[in-house]
PDB file of N, CA and C in Angstrom:
ATOM      1  N   MET A   1    -116.019  79.539  58.107  1.00  0.00           N
ATOM      2  CA  MET A   1    -115.520  78.163  58.601  1.00  0.00           C
ATOM      3  C   MET A   1    -116.372  77.350  58.361  1.00  0.00           C
ATOM      4  N   LYS A   2    -115.970  76.261  57.823  1.00  0.00           N
ATOM      5  CA  LYS A   2    -116.997  74.858  57.340  1.00  0.00           C
ATOM      6  C   LYS A   2    -117.494  74.169  58.531  1.00  0.00           C
ATOM      7  N   ARG A   3    -118.939  73.861  58.232  1.00  0.00           N
ATOM      8  CA  ARG A   3    -119.712  73.360  59.291  1.00  0.00           C
ATOM      9  C   ARG A   3    -120.003  71.994  58.959  1.00  0.00           C
ATOM     10  N   VAL A   4    -119.883  71.113  59.658  1.00  0.00           N
ATOM     11  CA  VAL A   4    -120.442  69.835  59.180  1.00  0.00           C
ATOM     12  C   VAL A   4    -121.583  69.383  60.378  1.00  0.00           C
ATOM     13  N   ASN A   5    -122.763  69.104  59.551  1.00  0.00           N
ATOM     14  CA  ASN A   5    -124.163  68.881  60.029  1.00  0.00           C
ATOM     15  C   ASN A   5    -124.253  67.195  60.133  1.00  0.00           C
ATOM     16  N   LYS A   6    -124.875  66.892  60.792  1.00  0.00           N
ATOM     17  CA  LYS A   6    -125.282  65.253  60.715  1.00  0.00           C
ATOM     18  C   LYS A   6    -126.315  65.096  61.817  1.00  0.00           C
ATOM     19  N   LYS A   7    -127.252  64.175  61.078  1.00  0.00           N
ATOM     20  CA  LYS A   7    -128.607  64.124  61.964  1.00  0.00           C
ATOM     21  C   LYS A   7    -128.916  62.466  62.083  1.00  0.00           C
ATOM     22  N   LEU A   8    -128.649  61.760  63.360  1.00  0.00           N
ATOM     23  CA  LEU A   8    -128.769  60.407  63.285  1.00  0.00           C
ATOM     24  C   LEU A   8    -130.366  60.439  64.069  1.00  0.00           C
ATOM     25  N   SER A   9    -131.017  59.689  63.349  1.00  0.00           N
ATOM     26  CA  SER A   9    -132.308  59.147  64.356  1.00  0.00           C
ATOM     27  C   SER A   9    -132.129  57.604  64.502  1.00  0.00           C
ATOM     28  N   LEU A  10    -132.040  57.469  65.585  1.00  0.00           N
ATOM     29  CA  LEU A  10    -131.931  55.953  66.407  1.00  0.00           C
ATOM     30  C   LEU A  10    -133.110  55.482  67.467  1.00  0.00           C
ATOM     31  N   SER A  11    -132.654  54.244  67.631  1.00  0.00           N
ATOM     32  CA  SER A  11    -133.522  53.629  68.777  1.00  0.00           C
ATOM     33  C   SER A  11    -133.180  54.388  70.108  1.00  0.00           C
ATOM     34  N   GLN A  12    -133.876  54.036  70.906  1.00  0.00           N
ATOM     35  CA  GLN A  12    -133.598  54.525  72.506  1.00  0.00           C
ATOM     36  C   GLN A  12    -131.878  53.729  72.791  1.00  0.00           C
ATOM     37  N   ASN A  13    -131.995  52.743  72.643  1.00  0.00           N
ATOM     38  CA  ASN A  13    -130.731  51.979  73.405  1.00  0.00           C
ATOM     39  C   ASN A  13    -129.349  52.485  72.511  1.00  0.00           C
ATOM     40  N   ASP A  14    -129.771  52.645  70.928  1.00  0.00           N
ATOM     41  CA  ASP A  14    -128.497  52.983  70.271  1.00  0.00           C
ATOM     42  C   ASP A  14    -128.100  54.563  70.327  1.00  0.00           C
ATOM     43  N   TYR A  15    -129.448  55.311  70.816  1.00  0.00           N
ATOM     44  CA  TYR A  15    -129.563  56.906  71.226  1.00  0.00           C
ATOM     45  C   TYR A  15    -128.491  57.215  71.929  1.00  0.00           C
ATOM     46  N   TYR A  16    -128.314  56.410  73.424  1.00  0.00           N
ATOM     47  CA  TYR A  16    -127.724  56.178  74.563  1.00  0.00           C
ATOM     48  C   TYR A  16    -125.918  55.997  73.957  1.00  0.00           C
ATOM     49  N   ARG A  17    -126.060  54.879  73.176  1.00  0.00           N
ATOM     50  CA  ARG A  17    -124.627  54.336  73.075  1.00  0.00           C
ATOM     51  C   ARG A  17    -124.022  55.449  72.355  1.00  0.00           C
ATOM     52  N   GLN A  18    -124.755  56.110  71.248  1.00  0.00           N
ATOM     53  CA  GLN A  18    -124.098  57.255  70.298  1.00  0.00           C
ATOM     54  C   GLN A  18    -123.624  57.956  70.747  1.00  0.00           C
ATOM     55  N   HIS A  19    -124.394  58.663  71.927  1.00  0.00           N
ATOM     56  CA  HIS A  19    -123.933  59.765  73.125  1.00  0.00           C
ATOM     57  C   HIS A  19    -122.974  59.463  73.583  1.00  0.00           C
ATOM     58  N   LEU A  20    -122.708  58.425  74.148  1.00  0.00           N
ATOM     59  CA  LEU A  20    -121.568  58.067  74.861  1.00  0.00           C
ATOM     60  C   LEU A  20    -120.356  57.977  73.853  1.00  0.00           C
ATOM     61  N   ALA A  21    -120.346  57.169  72.690  1.00  0.00           N
ATOM     62  CA  ALA A  21    -119.302  57.264  71.963  1.00  0.00           C
ATOM     63  C   ALA A  21    -118.842  58.849  71.701  1.00  0.00           C
ATOM     64  N   ILE A  22    -119.809  59.869  71.614  1.00  0.00           N
ATOM     65  CA  ILE A  22    -119.513  61.215  71.105  1.00  0.00           C
ATOM     66  C   ILE A  22    -118.516  61.666  72.280  1.00  0.00           C
ATOM     67  N   VAL A  23    -119.137  61.652  73.596  1.00  0.00           N
ATOM     68  CA  VAL A  23    -118.629  62.276  74.491  1.00  0.00           C
ATOM     69  C   VAL A  23    -117.592  61.797  74.860  1.00  0.00           C
ATOM     70  N   ASN A  24    -116.912  60.274  74.675  1.00  0.00           N
ATOM     71  CA  ASN A  24    -115.932  59.429  74.770  1.00  0.00           C
ATOM     72  C   ASN A  24    -114.784  60.738  74.213  1.00  0.00           C
ATOM     73  N   ALA A  25    -114.878  60.935  73.277  1.00  0.00           N
ATOM     74  CA  ALA A  25    -113.414  61.465  72.941  1.00  0.00           C
ATOM     75  C   ALA A  25    -113.142  62.762  73.740  1.00  0.00           C
ATOM     76  N   PHE A  26    -114.000  63.364  74.588  1.00  0.00           N
ATOM     77  CA  PHE A  26    -113.415  64.361  74.964  1.00  0.00           C
ATOM     78  C   PHE A  26    -113.333  64.056  76.370  1.00  0.00           C
ATOM     79  N   LEU A  27    -113.688  62.635  76.933  1.00  0.00           N
ATOM     80  CA  LEU A  27    -113.337  62.609  78.388  1.00  0.00           C
ATOM     81  C   LEU A  27    -111.806  62.210  78.695  1.00  0.00           C
ATOM     82  N   PRO A  28    -111.224  62.592  80.129  1.00  0.00           N
ATOM     83  CA  PRO A  28    -109.972  62.548  80.157  1.00  0.00           C
ATOM     84  C   PRO A  28    -109.589  60.632  80.106  1.00  0.00           C
ATOM     85  N   ILE A  29    -110.598  60.081  80.915  1.00  0.00           N
ATOM     86  CA  ILE A  29    -110.731  58.519  80.991  1.00  0.00           C
ATOM     87  C   ILE A  29    -111.376  57.989  80.159  1.00  0.00           C
ATOM     88  N   LYS A  30    -111.318  57.323  79.366  1.00  0.00           N
ATOM     89  CA  LYS A  30    -111.938  56.264  77.911  1.00  0.00           C
ATOM     90  C   LYS A  30    -112.799  55.640  78.459  1.00  0.00           C
ATOM     91  N   LEU A  31    -113.941  55.324  77.814  1.00  0.00           N
ATOM     92  CA  LEU A  31    -114.663  54.084  77.959  1.00  0.00           C
ATOM     93  C   LEU A  31    -114.253  53.112  76.977  1.00  0.00           C
ATOM     94  N   THR A  32    -114.430  51.634  76.896  1.00  0.00           N
ATOM     95  CA  THR A  32    -114.009  50.768  75.912  1.00  0.00           C
ATOM     96  C   THR A  32    -115.626  50.687  75.125  1.00  0.00           C
ATOM     97  N   ASN A  33    -115.515  49.706  74.038  1.00  0.00           N
ATOM     98  CA  ASN A  33    -116.557  50.197  73.390  1.00  0.00           C
ATOM     99  C   ASN A  33    -117.365  49.017  74.232  1.00  0.00           C
ATOM    100  N   LYS A  34    -117.130  48.154  74.952  1.00  0.00           N
ATOM    101  CA  LYS A  34    -117.940  47.124  75.780  1.00  0.00           C
ATOM    102  C   LYS A  34    -118.751  47.879  76.678  1.00  0.00           C
ATOM    103  N   GLU A  35    -117.565  48.684  77.611  1.00  0.00           N
ATOM    104  CA  GLU A  35    -118.370  49.710  78.773  1.00  0.00           C
ATOM    105  C   GLU A  35    -119.443  50.424  78.146  1.00  0.00           C
ATOM    106  N   ILE A  36    -119.211  50.848  76.834  1.00  0.00           N
ATOM    107  CA  ILE A  36    -120.380  51.810  76.042  1.00  0.00           C
ATOM    108  C   ILE A  36    -121.848  51.330  75.854  1.00  0.00           C
ATOM    109  N   ASP A  37    -121.678  49.900  75.388  1.00  0.00           N
ATOM    110  CA  ASP A  37    -122.226  49.066  74.910  1.00  0.00           C
ATOM    111  C   ASP A  37    -123.020  48.838  76.539  1.00  0.00           C
ATOM    112  N   VAL A  38    -122.415  48.155  77.692  1.00  0.00           N
ATOM    113  CA  VAL A  38    -122.960  48.364  78.980  1.00  0.00           C
ATOM    114  C   VAL A  38    -123.748  49.395  79.717  1.00  0.00           C
ATOM    115  N   LEU A  39    -123.104  50.381  79.468  1.00  0.00           N
ATOM    116  CA  LEU A  39    -123.703  51.388  80.174  1.00  0.00           C
ATOM    117  C   LEU A  39    -124.845  52.355  79.217  1.00  0.00           C
ATOM    118  N   GLY A  40    -124.903  52.263  78.278  1.00  0.00           N
ATOM    119  CA  GLY A  40    -125.692  52.728  76.951  1.00  0.00           C
ATOM    120  C   GLY A  40    -127.228  52.080  77.140  1.00  0.00           C
ATOM    121  N   LEU A  41    -126.985  50.546  77.655  1.00  0.00           N
ATOM    122  CA  LEU A  41    -128.360  49.729  77.804  1.00  0.00           C
ATOM    123  C   LEU A  41    -128.890  50.553  79.073  1.00  0.00           C
ATOM    124  N   PHE A  42    -128.082  50.256  79.852  1.00  0.00           N
ATOM    125  CA  PHE A  42    -128.255  50.676  81.424  1.00  0.00           C
ATOM    126  C   PHE A  42    -129.139  51.986  81.649  1.00  0.00           C
ATOM    127  N   MET A  43    -128.608  53.169  80.757  1.00  0.00           N
ATOM    128  CA  MET A  43    -129.305  54.412  80.445  1.00  0.00           C
ATOM    129  C   MET A  43    -130.477  54.556  79.790  1.00  0.00           C
ATOM    130  N   SER A  44    -130.641  53.139  78.929  1.00  0.00           N
ATOM    131  CA  SER A  44    -131.811  53.369  77.983  1.00  0.00           C
ATOM    132  C   SER A  44    -133.225  52.946  78.895  1.00  0.00           C
ATOM    133  N   PHE A  45    -132.903  52.573  79.874  1.00  0.00           N
ATOM    134  CA  PHE A  45    -134.105  51.914  80.540  1.00  0.00           C
ATOM    135  C   PHE A  45    -135.177  53.250  81.174  1.00  0.00           C
ATOM    136  N   LYS A  46    -136.391  53.037  81.028  1.00  0.00           N
ATOM    137  CA  LYS A  46    -136.993  54.062  81.447  1.00  0.00           C
ATOM    138  C   LYS A  46    -138.204  53.511  82.408  1.00  0.00           C
ATOM    139  N   GLY A  47    -139.106  54.259  82.850  1.00  0.00           N
ATOM    140  CA  GLY A  47    -140.386  53.158  83.784  1.00  0.00           C
ATOM    141  C   GLY A  47    -139.703  52.793  85.122  1.00  0.00           C
ATOM    142  N   VAL A  48    -140.237  51.889  85.268  1.00  0.00           N
ATOM    143  CA  VAL A  48    -139.868  50.815  86.922  1.00  0.00           C
ATOM    144  C   VAL A  48    -138.111  50.587  86.749  1.00  0.00           C
ATOM    145  N   LEU A  49    -137.744  49.711  85.767  1.00  0.00           N
ATOM    146  CA  LEU A  49    -136.408  49.622  85.366  1.00  0.00           C
ATOM    147  C   LEU A  49    -135.372  51.188  85.501  1.00  0.00           C
ATOM    148  N   GLU A  50    -136.169  52.280  85.421  1.00  0.00           N
ATOM    149  CA  GLU A  50    -135.233  53.467  85.412  1.00  0.00           C
ATOM    150  C   GLU A  50    -135.180  53.584  87.012  1.00  0.00           C
ATOM    151  N   LYS A  51    -136.129  53.567  87.358  1.00  0.00           N
ATOM    152  CA  LYS A  51    -135.966  53.936  89.223  1.00  0.00           C
ATOM    153  C   LYS A  51    -135.156  52.812  89.641  1.00  0.00           C
ATOM    154  N   ASP A  52    -134.738  51.532  89.226  1.00  0.00           N
ATOM    155  CA  ASP A  52    -133.827  50.662  90.328  1.00  0.00           C
ATOM    156  C   ASP A  52    -132.899  50.412  88.819  1.00  0.00           C
ATOM    157  N   ARG A  53    -132.116  51.111  88.554  1.00  0.00           N
ATOM    158  CA  ARG A  53    -131.212  50.956  87.076  1.00  0.00           C
ATOM    159  C   ARG A  53    -130.373  49.856  86.820  1.00  0.00           C
ATOM    160  N   PHE A  54    -129.754  50.016  88.255  1.00  0.00           N
ATOM    161  CA  PHE A  54    -128.661  48.821  88.370  1.00  0.00           C
ATOM    162  C   PHE A  54    -129.164  47.353  89.074  1.00  0.00           C
ATOM    163  N   GLY A  55    -130.268  47.329  89.098  1.00  0.00           N
ATOM    164  CA  GLY A  55    -131.212  46.041  90.223  1.00  0.00           C
ATOM    165  C   GLY A  55    -130.857  44.548  89.406  1.00  0.00           C
ATOM    166  N   THR A  56    -131.393  43.994  90.305  1.00  0.00           N
ATOM    167  CA  THR A  56    -131.390  42.404  89.464  1.00  0.00           C
ATOM    168  C   THR A  56    -132.201  42.474  88.330  1.00  0.00           C
ATOM    169  N   THR A  57    -133.525  43.014  87.964  1.00  0.00           N
ATOM    170  CA  THR A  57    -134.065  42.972  86.384  1.00  0.00           C
ATOM    171  C   THR A  57    -133.225  43.292  85.498  1.00  0.00           C
ATOM    172  N   ALA A  58    -132.918  44.816  86.057  1.00  0.00           N
ATOM    173  CA  ALA A  58    -132.320  45.078  84.704  1.00  0.00           C
ATOM    174  C   ALA A  58    -130.734  44.405  84.662  1.00  0.00           C
ATOM    175  N   ARG A  59    -129.942  44.101  85.446  1.00  0.00           N
ATOM    176  CA  ARG A  59    -128.723  43.312  85.242  1.00  0.00           C
ATOM    177  C   ARG A  59    -129.125  42.334  84.392  1.00  0.00           C
ATOM    178  N   LYS A  60    -130.480  41.186  84.872  1.00  0.00           N
ATOM    179  CA  LYS A  60    -130.530  40.046  83.807  1.00  0.00           C
ATOM    180  C   LYS A  60    -130.793  40.689  82.335  1.00  0.00           C
ATOM    181  N   ILE A  61    -131.455  41.737  82.192  1.00  0.00           N
ATOM    182  CA  ILE A  61    -131.673  42.233  80.709  1.00  0.00           C
ATOM    183  C   ILE A  61    -130.566  42.526  80.312  1.00  0.00           C
ATOM    184  N   VAL A  62    -129.653  43.176  80.884  1.00  0.00           N
ATOM    185  CA  VAL A  62    -128.283  43.378  80.315  1.00  0.00           C
ATOM    186  C   VAL A  62    -127.201  41.907  79.767  1.00  0.00           C
ATOM    187  N   MET A  63    -127.295  41.124  80.932  1.00  0.00           N
ATOM    188  CA  MET A  63    -126.763  40.229  80.477  1.00  0.00           C
ATOM    189  C   MET A  63    -127.383  39.399  78.999  1.00  0.00           C
ATOM    190  N   SER A  64    -128.741  39.402  79.286  1.00  0.00           N
ATOM    191  CA  SER A  64    -129.228  38.652  78.271  1.00  0.00           C
ATOM    192  C   SER A  64    -128.869  39.462  76.740  1.00  0.00           C
ATOM    193  N   GLU A  65    -129.345  40.510  76.857  1.00  0.00           N
ATOM    194  CA  GLU A  65    -128.740  41.593  75.549  1.00  0.00           C
ATOM    195  C   GLU A  65    -127.435  41.450  75.061  1.00  0.00           C
ATOM    196  N   LEU A  66    -126.488  41.304  76.137  1.00  0.00           N
ATOM    197  CA  LEU A  66    -125.246  41.898  75.359  1.00  0.00           C
ATOM    198  C   LEU A  66    -123.996  40.364  75.742  1.00  0.00           C
ATOM    199  N   ASN A  67    -125.258  39.238  76.170  1.00  0.00           N
ATOM    200  CA  ASN A  67    -124.689  37.985  76.296  1.00  0.00           C
ATOM    201  C   ASN A  67    -123.258  37.724  77.031  1.00  0.00           C
ATOM    202  N   LEU A  68    -123.547  38.522  78.403  1.00  0.00           N
ATOM    203  CA  LEU A  68    -122.625  38.284  79.559  1.00  0.00           C
ATOM    204  C   LEU A  68    -122.904  37.281  80.615  1.00  0.00           C
ATOM    205  N   SER A  69    -121.977  36.865  81.280  1.00  0.00           N
ATOM    206  CA  SER A  69    -122.130  36.004  82.165  1.00  0.00           C
ATOM    207  C   SER A  69    -122.607  37.464  83.605  1.00  0.00           C
ATOM    208  N   SER A  70    -123.143  37.037  84.885  1.00  0.00           N
ATOM    209  CA  SER A  70    -123.248  37.570  85.901  1.00  0.00           C
ATOM    210  C   SER A  70    -121.746  38.205  86.139  1.00  0.00           C
ATOM    211  N   GLY A  71    -120.861  37.062  86.462  1.00  0.00           N
ATOM    212  CA  GLY A  71    -119.146  37.718  86.650  1.00  0.00           C
ATOM    213  C   GLY A  71    -119.013  38.876  85.728  1.00  0.00           C
ATOM    214  N   GLY A  72    -119.219  38.491  84.499  1.00  0.00           N
ATOM    215  CA  GLY A  72    -118.813  39.687  83.412  1.00  0.00           C
ATOM    216  C   GLY A  72    -119.317  40.769  83.432  1.00  0.00           C
ATOM    217  N   LEU A  73    -120.816  40.763  83.610  1.00  0.00           N
ATOM    218  CA  LEU A  73    -121.203  42.091  83.920  1.00  0.00           C
ATOM    219  C   LEU A  73    -120.782  42.910  85.238  1.00  0.00           C
ATOM    220  N   GLY A  74    -120.664  42.257  86.252  1.00  0.00           N
ATOM    221  CA  GLY A  74    -119.823  42.488  87.652  1.00  0.00           C
ATOM    222  C   GLY A  74    -118.722  43.449  87.323  1.00  0.00           C
ATOM    223  N   ASN A  75    -118.016  42.562  86.363  1.00  0.00           N
ATOM    224  CA  ASN A  75    -116.356  43.295  86.294  1.00  0.00           C
ATOM    225  C   ASN A  75    -116.515  44.643  85.712  1.00  0.00           C
ATOM    226  N   TYR A  76    -117.500  44.923  84.612  1.00  0.00           N
ATOM    227  CA  TYR A  76    -117.967  45.836  84.270  1.00  0.00           C
ATOM    228  C   TYR A  76    -118.537  46.905  84.817  1.00  0.00           C
ATOM    229  N   ILE A  77    -119.546  46.595  85.355  1.00  0.00           N
ATOM    230  CA  ILE A  77    -119.889  47.492  86.499  1.00  0.00           C
ATOM    231  C   ILE A  77    -118.806  48.280  87.328  1.00  0.00           C
ATOM    232  N   ASN A  78    -117.957  46.813  88.002  1.00  0.00           N
ATOM    233  CA  ASN A  78    -116.712  47.570  88.500  1.00  0.00           C
ATOM    234  C   ASN A  78    -116.206  48.461  87.672  1.00  0.00           C
ATOM    235  N   SER A  79    -115.352  48.501  86.717  1.00  0.00           N
ATOM    236  CA  SER A  79    -114.668  49.025  85.707  1.00  0.00           C
ATOM    237  C   SER A  79    -115.206  50.398  85.568  1.00  0.00           C
ATOM    238  N   LEU A  80    -116.759  50.219  85.405  1.00  0.00           N
ATOM    239  CA  LEU A  80    -117.166  51.828  85.344  1.00  0.00           C
ATOM    240  C   LEU A  80    -117.266  52.536  86.755  1.00  0.00           C
ATOM    241  N   LYS A  81    -117.506  51.955  87.559  1.00  0.00           N
ATOM    242  CA  LYS A  81    -117.299  52.793  89.000  1.00  0.00           C
ATOM    243  C   LYS A  81    -116.001  53.255  88.975  1.00  0.00           C
ATOM    244  N   LYS A  82    -114.905  52.450  89.026  1.00  0.00           N
ATOM    245  CA  LYS A  82    -113.308  52.936  89.331  1.00  0.00           C
ATOM    246  C   LYS A  82    -112.941  53.936  88.305  1.00  0.00           C
ATOM    247  N   LYS A  83    -113.600  53.784  86.891  1.00  0.00           N
ATOM    248  CA  LYS A  83    -113.191  55.178  86.215  1.00  0.00           C
ATOM    249  C   LYS A  83    -114.235  56.432  86.635  1.00  0.00           C
ATOM    250  N   GLY A  84    -115.291  56.420  87.306  1.00  0.00           N
ATOM    251  CA  GLY A  84    -116.103  57.315  87.692  1.00  0.00           C
ATOM    252  C   GLY A  84    -117.408  57.603  86.879  1.00  0.00           C
ATOM    253  N   PHE A  85    -117.653  56.403  86.041  1.00  0.00           N
ATOM    254  CA  PHE A  85    -118.934  56.368  85.158  1.00  0.00           C
ATOM    255  C   PHE A  85    -119.996  55.822  85.629  1.00  0.00           C
ATOM    256  N   ILE A  86    -119.941  55.542  87.045  1.00  0.00           N
ATOM    257  CA  ILE A  86    -121.035  55.012  88.055  1.00  0.00           C
ATOM    258  C   ILE A  86    -120.405  55.644  89.429  1.00  0.00           C
ATOM    259  N   THR A  87    -121.431  56.508  90.173  1.00  0.00           N
ATOM    260  CA  THR A  87    -121.050  56.619  91.368  1.00  0.00           C
ATOM    261  C   THR A  87    -121.069  55.604  92.081  1.00  0.00           C
ATOM    262  N   LYS A  88    -120.720  55.754  93.811  1.00  0.00           N
ATOM    263  CA  LYS A  88    -120.637  54.893  94.738  1.00  0.00           C
ATOM    264  C   LYS A  88    -121.924  54.441  95.075  1.00  0.00           C
ATOM    265  N   ASP A  89    -123.084  55.432  94.871  1.00  0.00           N
ATOM    266  CA  ASP A  89    -124.288  55.220  95.126  1.00  0.00           C
ATOM    267  C   ASP A  89    -125.244  54.454  93.808  1.00  0.00           C
ATOM    268  N   MET A  90    -124.406  54.314  92.767  1.00  0.00           N
ATOM    269  CA  MET A  90    -124.924  53.780  91.747  1.00  0.00           C
ATOM    270  C   MET A  90    -125.737  54.442  90.835  1.00  0.00           C
ATOM    271  N   GLN A  91    -125.245  55.887  90.674  1.00  0.00           N
ATOM    272  CA  GLN A  91    -126.045  56.573  89.806  1.00  0.00           C
ATOM    273  C   GLN A  91    -124.894  56.908  88.778  1.00  0.00           C
ATOM    274  N   ILE A  92    -125.551  57.561  87.385  1.00  0.00           N
ATOM    275  CA  ILE A  92    -124.986  57.913  86.341  1.00  0.00           C
ATOM    276  C   ILE A  92    -124.603  59.251  86.423  1.00  0.00           C
ATOM    277  N   PRO A  93    -123.217  59.982  86.212  1.00  0.00           N
ATOM    278  CA  PRO A  93    -123.247  61.181  86.534  1.00  0.00           C
ATOM    279  C   PRO A  93    -123.844  62.253  85.917  1.00  0.00           C
ATOM    280  N   LYS A  94    -124.386  63.135  85.817  1.00  0.00           N
ATOM    281  CA  LYS A  94    -125.276  64.355  85.058  1.00  0.00           C
ATOM    282  C   LYS A  94    -124.601  64.383  83.636  1.00  0.00           C
ATOM    283  N   LEU A  95    -123.598  64.529  83.880  1.00  0.00           N
ATOM    284  CA  LEU A  95    -122.521  64.771  82.602  1.00  0.00           C
ATOM    285  C   LEU A  95    -122.602  64.141  81.511  1.00  0.00           C
ATOM    286  N   LEU A  96    -122.906  62.866  81.703  1.00  0.00           N
ATOM    287  CA  LEU A  96    -123.021  61.951  80.933  1.00  0.00           C
ATOM    288  C   LEU A  96    -124.613  61.809  80.423  1.00  0.00           C
ATOM    289  N   VAL A  97    -125.211  62.206  80.803  1.00  0.00           N
ATOM    290  CA  VAL A  97    -126.760  62.187  80.439  1.00  0.00           C
ATOM    291  C   VAL A  97    -126.876  62.912  79.556  1.00  0.00           C
ATOM    292  N   PRO A  98    -127.592  62.609  78.470  1.00  0.00           N
ATOM    293  CA  PRO A  98    -128.246  63.624  77.199  1.00  0.00           C
ATOM    294  C   PRO A  98    -129.757  63.921  77.671  1.00  0.00           C
ATOM    295  N   SER A  99    -129.788  65.077  76.969  1.00  0.00           N
ATOM    296  CA  SER A  99    -131.257  65.054  76.761  1.00  0.00           C
ATOM    297  C   SER A  99    -132.497  64.061  76.260  1.00  0.00           C
ATOM    298  N   GLU A 100    -133.430  63.938  77.133  1.00  0.00           N
ATOM    299  CA  GLU A 100    -134.299  62.880  76.577  1.00  0.00           C
ATOM    300  C   GLU A 100    -134.555  62.750  75.317  1.00  0.00           C
ATOM    301  N   GLY A 101    -134.961  63.804  74.246  1.00  0.00           N
ATOM    302  CA  GLY A 101    -135.718  63.172  73.308  1.00  0.00           C
ATOM    303  C   GLY A 101    -134.488  63.709  72.165  1.00  0.00           C
ATOM    304  N   LYS A 102    -133.571  64.759  72.315  1.00  0.00           N
ATOM    305  CA  LYS A 102    -132.719  65.268  71.479  1.00  0.00           C
ATOM    306  C   LYS A 102    -131.620  65.954  72.205  1.00  0.00           C
ATOM    307  N   GLN A 103    -130.337  65.472  71.340  1.00  0.00           N
ATOM    308  CA  GLN A 103    -129.267  66.132  72.301  1.00  0.00           C
ATOM    309  C   GLN A 103    -128.529  66.576  70.586  1.00  0.00           C
ATOM    310  N   GLU A 104    -127.832  68.030  71.272  1.00  0.00           N
ATOM    311  CA  GLU A 104    -127.253  68.799  69.940  1.00  0.00           C
ATOM    312  C   GLU A 104    -125.844  68.757  70.956  1.00  0.00           C
ATOM    313  N   TYR A 105    -124.698  68.785  69.925  1.00  0.00           N
ATOM    314  CA  TYR A 105    -123.185  68.885  70.040  1.00  0.00           C
ATOM    315  C   TYR A 105    -122.618  70.315  69.391  1.00  0.00           C
ATOM    316  N   TYR A 106    -121.744  70.929  70.021  1.00  0.00           N
ATOM    317  CA  TYR A 106    -121.366  72.044  69.385  1.00  0.00           C
ATOM    318  C   TYR A 106    -119.586  71.950  70.420  1.00  0.00           C
ATOM    319  N   PHE A 107    -118.750  71.997  68.733  1.00  0.00           N
ATOM    320  CA  PHE A 107    -117.433  71.714  69.239  1.00  0.00           C
ATOM    321  C   PHE A 107    -116.606  72.101  68.346  1.00  0.00           C
ATOM    322  N   ILE A 108    -115.565  72.907  68.634  1.00  0.00           N
ATOM    323  CA  ILE A 108    -114.681  73.555  67.575  1.00  0.00           C
ATOM    324  C   ILE A 108    -113.026  72.773  67.591  1.00  0.00           C
ATOM    325  N   LEU A 109    -112.893  72.764  66.523  1.00  0.00           N
ATOM    326  CA  LEU A 109    -111.618  71.956  65.986  1.00  0.00           C
ATOM    327  C   LEU A 109    -110.623  73.062  65.753  1.00  0.00           C
ATOM    328  N   GLU A 110    -109.595  73.431  66.390  1.00  0.00           N
ATOM    329  CA  GLU A 110    -108.469  74.674  65.687  1.00  0.00           C
ATOM    330  C   GLU A 110    -107.356  73.684  65.329  1.00  0.00           C
ATOM    331  N   ASN A 111    -106.784  74.558  64.178  1.00  0.00           N
ATOM    332  CA  ASN A 111    -105.719  73.890  63.846  1.00  0.00           C
ATOM    333  C   ASN A 111    -104.512  74.978  63.996  1.00  0.00           C
ATOM    334  N   THR A 112    -103.799  74.750  65.099  1.00  0.00           N
ATOM    335  CA  THR A 112    -102.856  76.111  65.418  1.00  0.00           C
ATOM    336  C   THR A 112    -102.049  76.481  64.666  1.00  0.00           C
ATOM    337  N   GLN A 113    -101.442  75.030  63.835  1.00  0.00           N
ATOM    338  CA  GLN A 113    -100.364  75.759  62.809  1.00  0.00           C
ATOM    339  C   GLN A 113    -100.799  76.688  61.856  1.00  0.00           C
ATOM    340  N   VAL A 114    -102.025  76.551  61.429  1.00  0.00           N
ATOM    341  CA  VAL A 114    -102.618  77.426  60.344  1.00  0.00           C
ATOM    342  C   VAL A 114    -102.744  78.676  60.902  1.00  0.00           C
ATOM    343  N   ASN A 115    -102.883  79.379  62.157  1.00  0.00           N
ATOM    344  CA  ASN A 115    -103.223  80.374  62.609  1.00  0.00           C
ATOM    345  C   ASN A 115    -101.931  80.652  63.399  1.00  0.00           C
ATOM    346  N   ALA A 116    -100.832  79.832  63.296  1.00  0.00           N
ATOM    347  CA  ALA A 116     -99.486  80.358  64.091  1.00  0.00           C
ATOM    348  C   ALA A 116     -98.890  81.735  63.433  1.00  0.00           C
ATOM    349  N   LYS A 117     -98.596  82.917  63.850  1.00  0.00           N
ATOM    350  CA  LYS A 117     -97.453  83.269  63.171  1.00  0.00           C
ATOM    351  C   LYS A 117     -96.143  82.626  62.891  1.00  0.00           C
ATOM    352  N   GLU A 118     -95.325  82.778  61.401  1.00  0.00           N
ATOM    353  CA  GLU A 118     -94.376  82.300  61.472  1.00  0.00           C
ATOM    354  C   GLU A 118     -92.997  83.326  61.677  1.00  0.00           C
TER     355      GLU A 118
END
C-alpha cells in the first residue's frame, strides 16, 4: 500500500484552521470555509482569552482579524451552535480540538471495486 506523508509547519491560527479543514472532510455536517476561519481563530486563543474564548475581547479580535461586523460574527456563532460545533455552554467539543503541539492523522481509503470479486 502506498503511503502519502506530508508535514506542515504552521502558525498557531493556521494550525487550527488546517486541522478543522482536515477533519471537516469526515464530519457528517460540514463547516463552511468562513466557519472554519471563525472557529479556528477562536480555537487559537491561549492564556486569558482561552478562559473566556467567546467573551467580548475575543469576539472583538475575531471581528477585527476577519473583517466581520458584530451581527455577522453573531450569525456565524449561531450557525456553529446549530451545527453542534459550539455547545450550548459555549465550549468546543473535544472531538474538534487537536493536540497542542502536533497532530497526526491516519486514515485509509479503500477502492471497493478493486477488491470486489467479479
